[in-house]
């Protein structure tokens, strides 16, 4: 379910947003939704960390590193210290 939001902006800014949205083939609502989603995404630390772990996992997997390799690496570090 969606809900409405009323935002007051300068008329010049509104006109510019309308023009850019039109050029991109989007509605102003679509542009505002995209901007708000990106705003929240960049400030949501939990999602950022989840994404970071996902990227780390993908990179390790692409290099052929698996769970056994991680356990051995931890053992090696602990042995050195």
N, C-alpha and C. Protein backbone atom coordinates (compact mmCIF):
# COMPACT_ATOMS: atom_id res chain seq x y z
N UNK A 1 0.84 -1.18 0.00
CA UNK A 1 0.00 0.00 0.00
C UNK A 1 0.88 1.24 0.00
N UNK A 2 0.55 2.19 -0.82
CA UNK A 2 1.31 3.43 -0.88
C UNK A 2 0.55 4.53 -0.15
N UNK A 3 1.25 5.59 0.16
CA UNK A 3 0.64 6.73 0.83
C UNK A 3 1.16 8.01 0.18
N UNK A 4 0.46 9.06 0.37
CA UNK A 4 0.86 10.34 -0.21
C UNK A 4 1.70 11.13 0.77
N UNK A 5 2.54 12.01 0.19
CA UNK A 5 3.38 12.88 0.98
C UNK A 5 3.32 14.26 0.34
N UNK A 6 3.10 15.27 1.11
CA UNK A 6 3.07 16.63 0.59
C UNK A 6 4.39 17.29 0.93
N UNK A 7 5.02 17.82 -0.11
CA UNK A 7 6.32 18.48 0.07
C UNK A 7 6.22 19.86 -0.57
N UNK A 8 6.67 20.85 0.14
CA UNK A 8 6.65 22.21 -0.40
C UNK A 8 8.05 22.54 -0.91
N UNK A 9 8.11 22.96 -2.18
CA UNK A 9 9.40 23.31 -2.78
C UNK A 9 9.25 24.60 -3.57
N UNK A 10 10.36 25.21 -3.84
CA UNK A 10 10.43 26.43 -4.63
C UNK A 10 9.88 26.16 -6.04
N UNK A 11 9.09 27.08 -6.58
CA UNK A 11 8.52 26.88 -7.92
C UNK A 11 9.56 26.63 -9.02
N UNK A 12 10.71 27.30 -8.92
CA UNK A 12 11.76 27.08 -9.92
C UNK A 12 12.30 25.65 -9.86
N UNK A 13 12.49 25.16 -8.65
CA UNK A 13 12.96 23.78 -8.48
C UNK A 13 11.92 22.80 -9.02
N UNK A 14 10.66 23.07 -8.76
CA UNK A 14 9.59 22.20 -9.25
C UNK A 14 9.61 22.14 -10.77
N UNK A 15 9.78 23.29 -11.40
CA UNK A 15 9.81 23.33 -12.87
C UNK A 15 11.00 22.54 -13.41
N UNK A 16 12.15 22.69 -12.77
CA UNK A 16 13.33 21.96 -13.23
C UNK A 16 13.14 20.45 -13.07
N UNK A 17 12.59 20.05 -11.93
CA UNK A 17 12.35 18.62 -11.69
C UNK A 17 11.37 18.09 -12.73
N UNK A 18 10.31 18.83 -13.00
CA UNK A 18 9.34 18.44 -14.02
C UNK A 18 10.03 18.23 -15.37
N UNK A 19 10.88 19.17 -15.75
CA UNK A 19 11.57 19.08 -17.04
C UNK A 19 12.50 17.87 -17.11
N UNK A 20 13.30 17.67 -16.06
CA UNK A 20 14.23 16.54 -16.05
C UNK A 20 13.48 15.21 -16.07
N UNK A 21 12.41 15.14 -15.30
CA UNK A 21 11.62 13.91 -15.25
C UNK A 21 11.04 13.61 -16.63
N UNK A 22 10.52 14.64 -17.28
CA UNK A 22 9.92 14.47 -18.61
C UNK A 22 10.96 13.96 -19.60
N UNK A 23 12.17 14.54 -19.56
CA UNK A 23 13.25 14.12 -20.46
C UNK A 23 13.60 12.65 -20.23
N UNK A 24 13.56 12.21 -18.97
CA UNK A 24 13.88 10.83 -18.63
C UNK A 24 12.70 9.89 -18.82
N UNK A 25 11.56 10.43 -19.20
CA UNK A 25 10.37 9.59 -19.40
C UNK A 25 9.78 9.08 -18.10
N UNK A 26 9.93 9.88 -17.05
CA UNK A 26 9.43 9.50 -15.73
C UNK A 26 8.46 10.56 -15.23
N UNK A 27 7.68 10.14 -14.25
CA UNK A 27 6.83 11.12 -13.57
C UNK A 27 7.65 11.74 -12.43
N UNK A 28 7.20 12.87 -11.96
CA UNK A 28 7.87 13.50 -10.81
C UNK A 28 7.80 12.57 -9.61
N UNK A 29 6.69 11.88 -9.46
CA UNK A 29 6.55 10.94 -8.34
C UNK A 29 7.61 9.84 -8.41
N UNK A 30 7.88 9.34 -9.61
CA UNK A 30 8.91 8.30 -9.76
C UNK A 30 10.28 8.84 -9.36
N UNK A 31 10.58 10.05 -9.80
CA UNK A 31 11.87 10.67 -9.47
C UNK A 31 12.00 10.85 -7.96
N UNK A 32 10.97 11.35 -7.33
CA UNK A 32 11.01 11.58 -5.88
C UNK A 32 11.14 10.26 -5.14
N UNK A 33 10.40 9.23 -5.57
CA UNK A 33 10.52 7.91 -4.93
C UNK A 33 11.94 7.38 -5.04
N UNK A 34 12.55 7.48 -6.23
CA UNK A 34 13.92 7.01 -6.42
C UNK A 34 14.89 7.76 -5.51
N UNK A 35 14.72 9.06 -5.43
CA UNK A 35 15.60 9.87 -4.58
C UNK A 35 15.45 9.50 -3.11
N UNK A 36 14.21 9.31 -2.66
CA UNK A 36 13.99 8.95 -1.26
C UNK A 36 14.52 7.55 -0.96
N UNK A 37 14.34 6.61 -1.89
CA UNK A 37 14.88 5.26 -1.68
C UNK A 37 16.40 5.30 -1.57
N UNK A 38 17.05 6.07 -2.43
CA UNK A 38 18.51 6.18 -2.39
C UNK A 38 18.95 6.88 -1.09
N UNK A 39 18.21 7.89 -0.67
CA UNK A 39 18.52 8.61 0.57
C UNK A 39 18.51 7.65 1.76
N UNK A 40 17.45 6.86 1.85
CA UNK A 40 17.34 5.91 2.97
C UNK A 40 18.41 4.83 2.86
N UNK A 41 18.63 4.33 1.66
CA UNK A 41 19.61 3.27 1.44
C UNK A 41 21.00 3.69 1.89
N UNK A 42 21.39 4.93 1.58
CA UNK A 42 22.74 5.39 1.92
C UNK A 42 22.91 5.68 3.41
N UNK A 43 21.80 5.75 4.12
CA UNK A 43 21.88 6.03 5.54
C UNK A 43 21.52 4.84 6.43
N UNK A 44 21.13 3.75 5.81
CA UNK A 44 20.75 2.54 6.55
C UNK A 44 21.99 1.68 6.77
N UNK A 45 22.63 1.83 7.92
CA UNK A 45 23.89 1.15 8.21
C UNK A 45 23.72 -0.37 8.15
N UNK A 46 22.61 -0.89 8.66
CA UNK A 46 22.39 -2.34 8.65
C UNK A 46 22.38 -2.90 7.24
N UNK A 47 21.69 -2.24 6.35
CA UNK A 47 21.65 -2.69 4.95
C UNK A 47 23.02 -2.57 4.31
N UNK A 48 23.74 -1.50 4.65
CA UNK A 48 25.08 -1.31 4.10
C UNK A 48 25.99 -2.45 4.52
N UNK A 49 25.93 -2.81 5.79
CA UNK A 49 26.78 -3.90 6.29
C UNK A 49 26.38 -5.22 5.66
N UNK A 50 25.08 -5.48 5.54
CA UNK A 50 24.62 -6.71 4.88
C UNK A 50 25.13 -6.76 3.44
N UNK A 51 25.04 -5.65 2.74
CA UNK A 51 25.53 -5.59 1.36
C UNK A 51 27.03 -5.80 1.31
N UNK A 52 27.76 -5.21 2.25
CA UNK A 52 29.20 -5.37 2.31
C UNK A 52 29.59 -6.83 2.51
N UNK A 53 28.94 -7.50 3.46
CA UNK A 53 29.22 -8.92 3.68
C UNK A 53 28.90 -9.74 2.43
N UNK A 54 27.83 -9.38 1.74
CA UNK A 54 27.48 -10.08 0.51
C UNK A 54 28.56 -9.92 -0.55
N UNK A 55 29.07 -8.69 -0.69
CA UNK A 55 30.13 -8.45 -1.68
C UNK A 55 31.42 -9.17 -1.30
N UNK A 56 31.74 -9.18 0.00
CA UNK A 56 32.94 -9.90 0.46
C UNK A 56 32.79 -11.38 0.17
N UNK A 57 31.63 -11.93 0.49
CA UNK A 57 31.38 -13.35 0.22
C UNK A 57 31.49 -13.68 -1.25
N UNK A 58 30.93 -12.84 -2.10
CA UNK A 58 31.00 -13.06 -3.56
C UNK A 58 32.45 -13.03 -4.04
N UNK A 59 33.22 -12.08 -3.51
CA UNK A 59 34.62 -11.96 -3.93
C UNK A 59 35.42 -13.18 -3.49
N UNK A 60 35.21 -13.62 -2.26
CA UNK A 60 35.92 -14.81 -1.77
C UNK A 60 35.53 -16.05 -2.58
N UNK A 61 34.25 -16.19 -2.86
CA UNK A 61 33.77 -17.34 -3.64
C UNK A 61 34.38 -17.33 -5.02
N UNK A 62 34.45 -16.16 -5.65
CA UNK A 62 35.02 -16.07 -7.01
C UNK A 62 36.50 -16.42 -7.01
N UNK A 63 37.16 -16.28 -5.88
CA UNK A 63 38.59 -16.63 -5.76
C UNK A 63 38.79 -18.06 -5.27
N UNK A 64 37.68 -18.77 -5.11
CA UNK A 64 37.77 -20.17 -4.69
C UNK A 64 38.01 -20.36 -3.20
N UNK A 65 37.77 -19.32 -2.41
CA UNK A 65 37.95 -19.40 -0.96
C UNK A 65 36.64 -19.90 -0.36
N UNK A 66 36.74 -20.93 0.48
CA UNK A 66 35.56 -21.50 1.11
C UNK A 66 35.63 -21.47 2.62
N UNK A 67 34.64 -22.02 3.29
CA UNK A 67 34.61 -22.02 4.75
C UNK A 67 35.84 -22.65 5.40
N UNK A 68 36.33 -23.73 4.82
CA UNK A 68 37.52 -24.38 5.40
C UNK A 68 38.74 -23.47 5.31
N UNK A 69 38.84 -22.72 4.22
CA UNK A 69 39.96 -21.78 4.06
C UNK A 69 39.89 -20.67 5.10
N UNK A 70 38.71 -20.23 5.40
CA UNK A 70 38.53 -19.16 6.39
C UNK A 70 38.95 -19.65 7.77
N UNK A 71 38.49 -20.85 8.10
CA UNK A 71 38.84 -21.42 9.41
C UNK A 71 40.36 -21.56 9.54
N UNK A 72 41.02 -21.99 8.48
CA UNK A 72 42.48 -22.13 8.52
C UNK A 72 43.15 -20.77 8.65
N UNK A 73 42.65 -19.78 7.96
CA UNK A 73 43.23 -18.44 8.04
C UNK A 73 43.10 -17.89 9.46
N UNK A 74 41.97 -18.13 10.10
CA UNK A 74 41.78 -17.69 11.49
C UNK A 74 42.77 -18.39 12.41
N UNK A 75 42.92 -19.70 12.21
CA UNK A 75 43.88 -20.47 13.03
C UNK A 75 45.29 -19.92 12.85
N UNK A 76 45.67 -19.63 11.60
CA UNK A 76 47.01 -19.11 11.32
C UNK A 76 47.26 -17.79 12.03
N UNK A 77 46.28 -16.90 11.98
CA UNK A 77 46.43 -15.60 12.64
C UNK A 77 46.52 -15.78 14.14
N UNK A 78 45.67 -16.62 14.70
CA UNK A 78 45.69 -16.84 16.15
C UNK A 78 46.98 -17.47 16.62
N UNK A 79 47.57 -18.31 15.79
CA UNK A 79 48.83 -18.96 16.14
C UNK A 79 49.97 -17.95 16.17
N UNK A 80 49.94 -17.00 15.24
CA UNK A 80 50.98 -15.97 15.18
C UNK A 80 50.92 -15.03 16.37
N UNK A 81 49.74 -14.80 16.88
CA UNK A 81 49.58 -13.87 18.01
C UNK A 81 49.68 -14.67 19.26
